[in-house]
């Protein structure tokens, strides 16, 4: 039987899809109608997550498999830490919304590592109740990344993101039926995406 966590929502998409923006929008809209929501993200801001971020920024170099293992370790802590973990927040009656989860590892680390190896590293993590995928063309994502005017992370390149996009398609095609998948066109305006997202999430939470 597939293990899923109720009151756990995950947003996924390519870099530049707008998951971070929509995370904050979703929290704001759900809080307005009485939900006690808690937002988080991966990599986390905890010590293991900071090490992951140093690899992404290019400040620290390691092997693709070591990075996949670091992501998995950060996720284990993110879920199960007794002080701040996702499961603790849910037990405290909060609706947890995360910007990225193990689907990102499958999509991103699955490019330079053996895909099945990355699956194995993440197979014991529970699925969320709701997965929101902001489906955005690679070219649109790259244009948005360029417009930020910031230093690019190691994965923010056309060829790599195209492979990530293929991995996301593979993951979503094989998603367990227990997970409520919401796919939204990422080329819509921020406001349009928020409206669709909130409507669909409320529909599922009110079942």
Foldseek 3Di string as FASTA:
>chain_A
DAFEDELEEEEDEFQQLCLVVLQVLLVVVVVVVPAQADEAEPPGPDPLRVVLVCCQLVVDDDALVVSLLSRLVSQCCQADVCPHHPVNCVVVVHRYYYHDDLLLSLLQSVVRDVSVVSCVSCVPDHHYQEYEYAYEDLVNSLVSVVVVVDRGTPQNDSVNSVSSNVSSVVCVVPDDPSHHYHYHHSVDDPVVRNVSVNVVVCVSVVD
